[in-house]
């Protein structure tokens, strides 16, 4: 039996994690620079990371190492 995550699940995980990271990044960066600049930088960087995270999830989904199906 093989278990795979759907593309929708991978995308939802990537997006939800990035939303949390944008909030944290903005909070940290706003201590050093203006809030609007911090938010813009956070959104741009996390957008790139979102795409990379999604691709990584799809590739890693094909690796069965450490996965158990009961």
PDB file of N, CA and C in Angstrom:
ATOM      1  N   UNK A   1       0.848  -1.184   0.000  1.00  0.00           N
ATOM      2  CA  UNK A   1       0.000   0.000   0.000  1.00  0.00           C
ATOM      3  C   UNK A   1       0.890   1.241   0.000  1.00  0.00           C
ATOM      4  N   UNK A   2       0.576   2.177  -0.855  1.00  0.00           N
ATOM      5  CA  UNK A   2       1.356   3.407  -0.968  1.00  0.00           C
ATOM      6  C   UNK A   2       0.492   4.601  -0.574  1.00  0.00           C
ATOM      7  N   UNK A   3       1.053   5.470   0.233  1.00  0.00           N
ATOM      8  CA  UNK A   3       0.332   6.659   0.684  1.00  0.00           C
ATOM      9  C   UNK A   3       1.011   7.883   0.090  1.00  0.00           C
ATOM     10  N   UNK A   4       0.260   8.712  -0.582  1.00  0.00           N
ATOM     11  CA  UNK A   4       0.766   9.958  -1.152  1.00  0.00           C
ATOM     12  C   UNK A   4      -0.105  11.110  -0.700  1.00  0.00           C
ATOM     13  N   UNK A   5       0.508  12.256  -0.576  1.00  0.00           N
ATOM     14  CA  UNK A   5      -0.260  13.457  -0.292  1.00  0.00           C
ATOM     15  C   UNK A   5      -0.742  14.046  -1.607  1.00  0.00           C
ATOM     16  N   UNK A   6      -1.927  14.621  -1.580  1.00  0.00           N
ATOM     17  CA  UNK A   6      -2.444  15.255  -2.789  1.00  0.00           C
ATOM     18  C   UNK A   6      -1.728  16.582  -3.026  1.00  0.00           C
ATOM     19  N   UNK A   7      -1.808  17.065  -4.237  1.00  0.00           N
ATOM     20  CA  UNK A   7      -1.202  18.361  -4.558  1.00  0.00           C
ATOM     21  C   UNK A   7      -1.854  19.482  -3.750  1.00  0.00           C
ATOM     22  N   UNK A   8      -3.163  19.367  -3.535  1.00  0.00           N
ATOM     23  CA  UNK A   8      -3.877  20.383  -2.747  1.00  0.00           C
ATOM     24  C   UNK A   8      -3.350  20.418  -1.314  1.00  0.00           C
ATOM     25  N   UNK A   9      -3.101  19.231  -0.735  1.00  0.00           N
ATOM     26  CA  UNK A   9      -2.586  19.173   0.633  1.00  0.00           C
ATOM     27  C   UNK A   9      -1.193  19.800   0.709  1.00  0.00           C
ATOM     28  N   UNK A  10      -0.330  19.475  -0.245  1.00  0.00           N
ATOM     29  CA  UNK A  10       1.017  20.049  -0.268  1.00  0.00           C
ATOM     30  C   UNK A  10       0.956  21.567  -0.392  1.00  0.00           C
ATOM     31  N   UNK A  11       0.087  22.054  -1.265  1.00  0.00           N
ATOM     32  CA  UNK A  11      -0.056  23.491  -1.459  1.00  0.00           C
ATOM     33  C   UNK A  11      -0.603  24.168  -0.205  1.00  0.00           C
ATOM     34  N   UNK A  12      -1.593  23.568   0.446  1.00  0.00           N
ATOM     35  CA  UNK A  12      -2.165  24.124   1.669  1.00  0.00           C
ATOM     36  C   UNK A  12      -1.119  24.189   2.777  1.00  0.00           C
ATOM     37  N   UNK A  13      -0.311  23.140   2.920  1.00  0.00           N
ATOM     38  CA  UNK A  13       0.751  23.136   3.925  1.00  0.00           C
ATOM     39  C   UNK A  13       1.750  24.246   3.643  1.00  0.00           C
ATOM     40  N   UNK A  14       2.154  24.384   2.392  1.00  0.00           N
ATOM     41  CA  UNK A  14       3.134  25.400   2.030  1.00  0.00           C
ATOM     42  C   UNK A  14       2.591  26.804   2.284  1.00  0.00           C
ATOM     43  N   UNK A  15       1.362  27.062   1.877  1.00  0.00           N
ATOM     44  CA  UNK A  15       0.768  28.395   2.045  1.00  0.00           C
ATOM     45  C   UNK A  15       0.564  28.724   3.513  1.00  0.00           C
ATOM     46  N   UNK A  16       0.014  27.800   4.287  1.00  0.00           N
ATOM     47  CA  UNK A  16      -0.256  28.087   5.697  1.00  0.00           C
ATOM     48  C   UNK A  16       1.036  28.331   6.470  1.00  0.00           C
ATOM     49  N   UNK A  17       2.077  27.582   6.155  1.00  0.00           N
ATOM     50  CA  UNK A  17       3.357  27.789   6.827  1.00  0.00           C
ATOM     51  C   UNK A  17       3.940  29.146   6.448  1.00  0.00           C
ATOM     52  N   UNK A  18       3.806  29.540   5.198  1.00  0.00           N
ATOM     53  CA  UNK A  18       4.344  30.827   4.742  1.00  0.00           C
ATOM     54  C   UNK A  18       3.608  31.996   5.384  1.00  0.00           C
ATOM     55  N   UNK A  19       2.315  31.861   5.618  1.00  0.00           N
ATOM     56  CA  UNK A  19       1.562  32.930   6.287  1.00  0.00           C
ATOM     57  C   UNK A  19       2.123  33.173   7.683  1.00  0.00           C
ATOM     58  N   UNK A  20       2.397  32.101   8.394  1.00  0.00           N
ATOM     59  CA  UNK A  20       2.993  32.221   9.732  1.00  0.00           C
ATOM     60  C   UNK A  20       4.372  32.870   9.629  1.00  0.00           C
ATOM     61  N   UNK A  21       5.163  32.447   8.662  1.00  0.00           N
ATOM     62  CA  UNK A  21       6.498  33.014   8.503  1.00  0.00           C
ATOM     63  C   UNK A  21       6.463  34.490   8.126  1.00  0.00           C
ATOM     64  N   UNK A  22       5.517  34.894   7.293  1.00  0.00           N
ATOM     65  CA  UNK A  22       5.396  36.313   6.925  1.00  0.00           C
ATOM     66  C   UNK A  22       5.131  37.154   8.169  1.00  0.00           C
ATOM     67  N   UNK A  23       4.237  36.675   9.025  1.00  0.00           N
ATOM     68  CA  UNK A  23       3.921  37.413  10.252  1.00  0.00           C
ATOM     69  C   UNK A  23       5.150  37.534  11.148  1.00  0.00           C
ATOM     70  N   UNK A  24       5.869  36.441  11.319  1.00  0.00           N
ATOM     71  CA  UNK A  24       7.059  36.453  12.180  1.00  0.00           C
ATOM     72  C   UNK A  24       8.157  37.322  11.574  1.00  0.00           C
ATOM     73  N   UNK A  25       8.406  37.159  10.279  1.00  0.00           N
ATOM     74  CA  UNK A  25       9.428  37.965   9.608  1.00  0.00           C
ATOM     75  C   UNK A  25       9.119  39.454   9.714  1.00  0.00           C
ATOM     76  N   UNK A  26       7.868  39.819   9.473  1.00  0.00           N
ATOM     77  CA  UNK A  26       7.467  41.231   9.536  1.00  0.00           C
ATOM     78  C   UNK A  26       7.677  41.778  10.936  1.00  0.00           C
ATOM     79  N   UNK A  27       7.314  41.005  11.930  1.00  0.00           N
ATOM     80  CA  UNK A  27       7.478  41.435  13.318  1.00  0.00           C
ATOM     81  C   UNK A  27       8.956  41.668  13.644  1.00  0.00           C
ATOM     82  N   UNK A  28       9.799  40.730  13.246  1.00  0.00           N
ATOM     83  CA  UNK A  28      11.228  40.861  13.534  1.00  0.00           C
ATOM     84  C   UNK A  28      11.848  42.011  12.737  1.00  0.00           C
ATOM     85  N   UNK A  29      11.565  42.070  11.436  1.00  0.00           N
ATOM     86  CA  UNK A  29      12.151  43.118  10.598  1.00  0.00           C
ATOM     87  C   UNK A  29      11.679  44.516  10.983  1.00  0.00           C
ATOM     88  N   UNK A  30      10.440  44.623  11.463  1.00  0.00           N
ATOM     89  CA  UNK A  30       9.916  45.945  11.811  1.00  0.00           C
ATOM     90  C   UNK A  30      10.626  46.544  13.023  1.00  0.00           C
ATOM     91  N   UNK A  31      11.370  45.735  13.744  1.00  0.00           N
ATOM     92  CA  UNK A  31      12.180  46.269  14.841  1.00  0.00           C
ATOM     93  C   UNK A  31      13.369  47.062  14.302  1.00  0.00           C
ATOM     94  N   UNK A  32      13.754  46.792  13.070  1.00  0.00           N
ATOM     95  CA  UNK A  32      14.945  47.411  12.492  1.00  0.00           C
ATOM     96  C   UNK A  32      14.641  48.385  11.356  1.00  0.00           C
ATOM     97  N   UNK A  33      13.543  48.164  10.634  1.00  0.00           N
ATOM     98  CA  UNK A  33      13.188  49.037   9.514  1.00  0.00           C
ATOM     99  C   UNK A  33      11.692  49.336   9.558  1.00  0.00           C
ATOM    100  N   UNK A  34      11.232  50.213   8.693  1.00  0.00           N
ATOM    101  CA  UNK A  34       9.830  50.626   8.644  1.00  0.00           C
ATOM    102  C   UNK A  34       8.916  49.424   8.383  1.00  0.00           C
ATOM    103  N   UNK A  35       7.749  49.434   8.996  1.00  0.00           N
ATOM    104  CA  UNK A  35       6.825  48.301   8.942  1.00  0.00           C
ATOM    105  C   UNK A  35       6.427  47.956   7.503  1.00  0.00           C
ATOM    106  N   UNK A  36       6.126  48.959   6.675  1.00  0.00           N
ATOM    107  CA  UNK A  36       5.687  48.673   5.299  1.00  0.00           C
ATOM    108  C   UNK A  36       6.801  48.057   4.464  1.00  0.00           C
ATOM    109  N   UNK A  37       8.014  48.502   4.681  1.00  0.00           N
ATOM    110  CA  UNK A  37       9.156  47.911   3.972  1.00  0.00           C
ATOM    111  C   UNK A  37       9.375  46.487   4.459  1.00  0.00           C
ATOM    112  N   UNK A  38       9.268  46.292   5.765  1.00  0.00           N
ATOM    113  CA  UNK A  38       9.435  44.960   6.345  1.00  0.00           C
ATOM    114  C   UNK A  38       8.385  43.998   5.793  1.00  0.00           C
ATOM    115  N   UNK A  39       7.149  44.458   5.710  1.00  0.00           N
ATOM    116  CA  UNK A  39       6.076  43.607   5.184  1.00  0.00           C
ATOM    117  C   UNK A  39       6.324  43.271   3.720  1.00  0.00           C
ATOM    118  N   UNK A  40       6.750  44.247   2.937  1.00  0.00           N
ATOM    119  CA  UNK A  40       7.038  44.007   1.519  1.00  0.00           C
ATOM    120  C   UNK A  40       8.158  43.005   1.321  1.00  0.00           C
ATOM    121  N   UNK A  41       9.228  43.166   2.076  1.00  0.00           N
ATOM    122  CA  UNK A  41      10.338  42.218   2.001  1.00  0.00           C
ATOM    123  C   UNK A  41       9.894  40.817   2.407  1.00  0.00           C
ATOM    124  N   UNK A  42       9.131  40.733   3.480  1.00  0.00           N
ATOM    125  CA  UNK A  42       8.653  39.438   3.964  1.00  0.00           C
ATOM    126  C   UNK A  42       7.799  38.739   2.921  1.00  0.00           C
ATOM    127  N   UNK A  43       6.882  39.473   2.318  1.00  0.00           N
ATOM    128  CA  UNK A  43       5.982  38.882   1.317  1.00  0.00           C
ATOM    129  C   UNK A  43       6.767  38.427   0.090  1.00  0.00           C
ATOM    130  N   UNK A  44       7.700  39.238  -0.367  1.00  0.00           N
ATOM    131  CA  UNK A  44       8.499  38.865  -1.546  1.00  0.00           C
ATOM    132  C   UNK A  44       9.330  37.611  -1.275  1.00  0.00           C
ATOM    133  N   UNK A  45      10.039  37.607  -0.163  1.00  0.00           N
ATOM    134  CA  UNK A  45      10.880  36.457   0.163  1.00  0.00           C
ATOM    135  C   UNK A  45      10.064  35.190   0.403  1.00  0.00           C
ATOM    136  N   UNK A  46       8.968  35.324   1.112  1.00  0.00           N
ATOM    137  CA  UNK A  46       8.147  34.149   1.404  1.00  0.00           C
ATOM    138  C   UNK A  46       7.422  33.643   0.160  1.00  0.00           C
ATOM    139  N   UNK A  47       7.142  34.530  -0.785  1.00  0.00           N
ATOM    140  CA  UNK A  47       6.550  34.085  -2.055  1.00  0.00           C
ATOM    141  C   UNK A  47       7.493  33.163  -2.804  1.00  0.00           C
ATOM    142  N   UNK A  48       8.766  33.545  -2.829  1.00  0.00           N
ATOM    143  CA  UNK A  48       9.773  32.689  -3.458  1.00  0.00           C
ATOM    144  C   UNK A  48       9.891  31.376  -2.694  1.00  0.00           C
ATOM    145  N   UNK A  49       9.925  31.468  -1.380  1.00  0.00           N
ATOM    146  CA  UNK A  49      10.033  30.260  -0.553  1.00  0.00           C
ATOM    147  C   UNK A  49       8.809  29.358  -0.700  1.00  0.00           C
ATOM    148  N   UNK A  50       7.641  29.944  -0.914  1.00  0.00           N
ATOM    149  CA  UNK A  50       6.420  29.155  -1.115  1.00  0.00           C
ATOM    150  C   UNK A  50       6.566  28.242  -2.327  1.00  0.00           C
ATOM    151  N   UNK A  51       7.053  28.794  -3.397  1.00  0.00           N
ATOM    152  CA  UNK A  51       7.233  28.004  -4.616  1.00  0.00           C
ATOM    153  C   UNK A  51       8.250  26.889  -4.385  1.00  0.00           C
ATOM    154  N   UNK A  52       9.369  27.215  -3.755  1.00  0.00           N
ATOM    155  CA  UNK A  52      10.385  26.207  -3.471  1.00  0.00           C
ATOM    156  C   UNK A  52       9.873  25.132  -2.519  1.00  0.00           C
ATOM    157  N   UNK A  53       9.114  25.543  -1.509  1.00  0.00           N
ATOM    158  CA  UNK A  53       8.553  24.592  -0.544  1.00  0.00           C
ATOM    159  C   UNK A  53       7.596  23.622  -1.228  1.00  0.00           C
ATOM    160  N   UNK A  54       6.745  24.136  -2.097  1.00  0.00           N
ATOM    161  CA  UNK A  54       5.795  23.292  -2.812  1.00  0.00           C
ATOM    162  C   UNK A  54       6.523  22.262  -3.672  1.00  0.00           C
ATOM    163  N   UNK A  55       7.536  22.701  -4.409  1.00  0.00           N
ATOM    164  CA  UNK A  55       8.308  21.779  -5.255  1.00  0.00           C
ATOM    165  C   UNK A  55       9.005  20.739  -4.381  1.00  0.00           C
ATOM    166  N   UNK A  56       9.590  21.169  -3.271  1.00  0.00           N
ATOM    167  CA  UNK A  56      10.261  20.252  -2.358  1.00  0.00           C
ATOM    168  C   UNK A  56       9.286  19.212  -1.813  1.00  0.00           C
ATOM    169  N   UNK A  57       8.087  19.649  -1.402  1.00  0.00           N
ATOM    170  CA  UNK A  57       7.068  18.722  -0.885  1.00  0.00           C
ATOM    171  C   UNK A  57       6.697  17.671  -1.919  1.00  0.00           C
ATOM    172  N   UNK A  58       6.523  18.087  -3.176  1.00  0.00           N
ATOM    173  CA  UNK A  58       6.133  17.157  -4.236  1.00  0.00           C
ATOM    174  C   UNK A  58       7.240  16.137  -4.499  1.00  0.00           C
ATOM    175  N   UNK A  59       8.482  16.590  -4.485  1.00  0.00           N
ATOM    176  CA  UNK A  59       9.598  15.662  -4.699  1.00  0.00           C
ATOM    177  C   UNK A  59       9.727  14.726  -3.505  1.00  0.00           C
ATOM    178  N   UNK A  60       9.684  15.274  -2.295  1.00  0.00           N
ATOM    179  CA  UNK A  60       9.865  14.470  -1.085  1.00  0.00           C
ATOM    180  C   UNK A  60       8.726  13.469  -0.905  1.00  0.00           C
ATOM    181  N   UNK A  61       7.563  13.763  -1.452  1.00  0.00           N
ATOM    182  CA  UNK A  61       6.415  12.854  -1.363  1.00  0.00           C
ATOM    183  C   UNK A  61       6.693  11.533  -2.073  1.00  0.00           C
ATOM    184  N   UNK A  62       7.614  11.522  -2.998  1.00  0.00           N
ATOM    185  CA  UNK A  62       7.955  10.313  -3.741  1.00  0.00           C
ATOM    186  C   UNK A  62       8.951   9.420  -3.001  1.00  0.00           C
ATOM    187  N   UNK A  63       9.498   9.915  -1.900  1.00  0.00           N
ATOM    188  CA  UNK A  63      10.481   9.157  -1.127  1.00  0.00           C
ATOM    189  C   UNK A  63       9.754   8.462   0.028  1.00  0.00           C
ATOM    190  N   UNK A  64       9.908   7.173   0.112  1.00  0.00           N
ATOM    191  CA  UNK A  64       9.201   6.406   1.140  1.00  0.00           C
ATOM    192  C   UNK A  64       9.993   6.235   2.427  1.00  0.00           C
ATOM    193  N   UNK A  65      11.219   6.716   2.488  1.00  0.00           N
ATOM    194  CA  UNK A  65      12.049   6.561   3.668  1.00  0.00           C
ATOM    195  C   UNK A  65      11.352   7.111   4.911  1.00  0.00           C
ATOM    196  N   UNK A  66      11.242   6.286   5.947  1.00  0.00           N
ATOM    197  CA  UNK A  66      10.664   6.707   7.211  1.00  0.00           C
ATOM    198  C   UNK A  66       9.152   6.756   7.238  1.00  0.00           C
ATOM    199  N   UNK A  67       8.501   6.322   6.195  1.00  0.00           N
ATOM    200  CA  UNK A  67       7.037   6.355   6.108  1.00  0.00           C
ATOM    201  C   UNK A  67       6.497   4.953   6.403  1.00  0.00           C
ATOM    202  N   UNK A  68       5.536   4.888   7.297  1.00  0.00           N
ATOM    203  CA  UNK A  68       4.912   3.616   7.618  1.00  0.00           C
ATOM    204  C   UNK A  68       3.425   3.699   7.320  1.00  0.00           C
ATOM    205  N   UNK A  69       2.907   2.623   6.745  1.00  0.00           N
ATOM    206  CA  UNK A  69       1.479   2.538   6.475  1.00  0.00           C
ATOM    207  C   UNK A  69       0.952   1.348   7.273  1.00  0.00           C
ATOM    208  N   UNK A  70      -0.016   1.605   8.120  1.00  0.00           N
ATOM    209  CA  UNK A  70      -0.568   0.528   8.959  1.00  0.00           C
ATOM    210  C   UNK A  70      -1.996   0.255   8.604  1.00  0.00           C
TER     211      UNK A  70
END
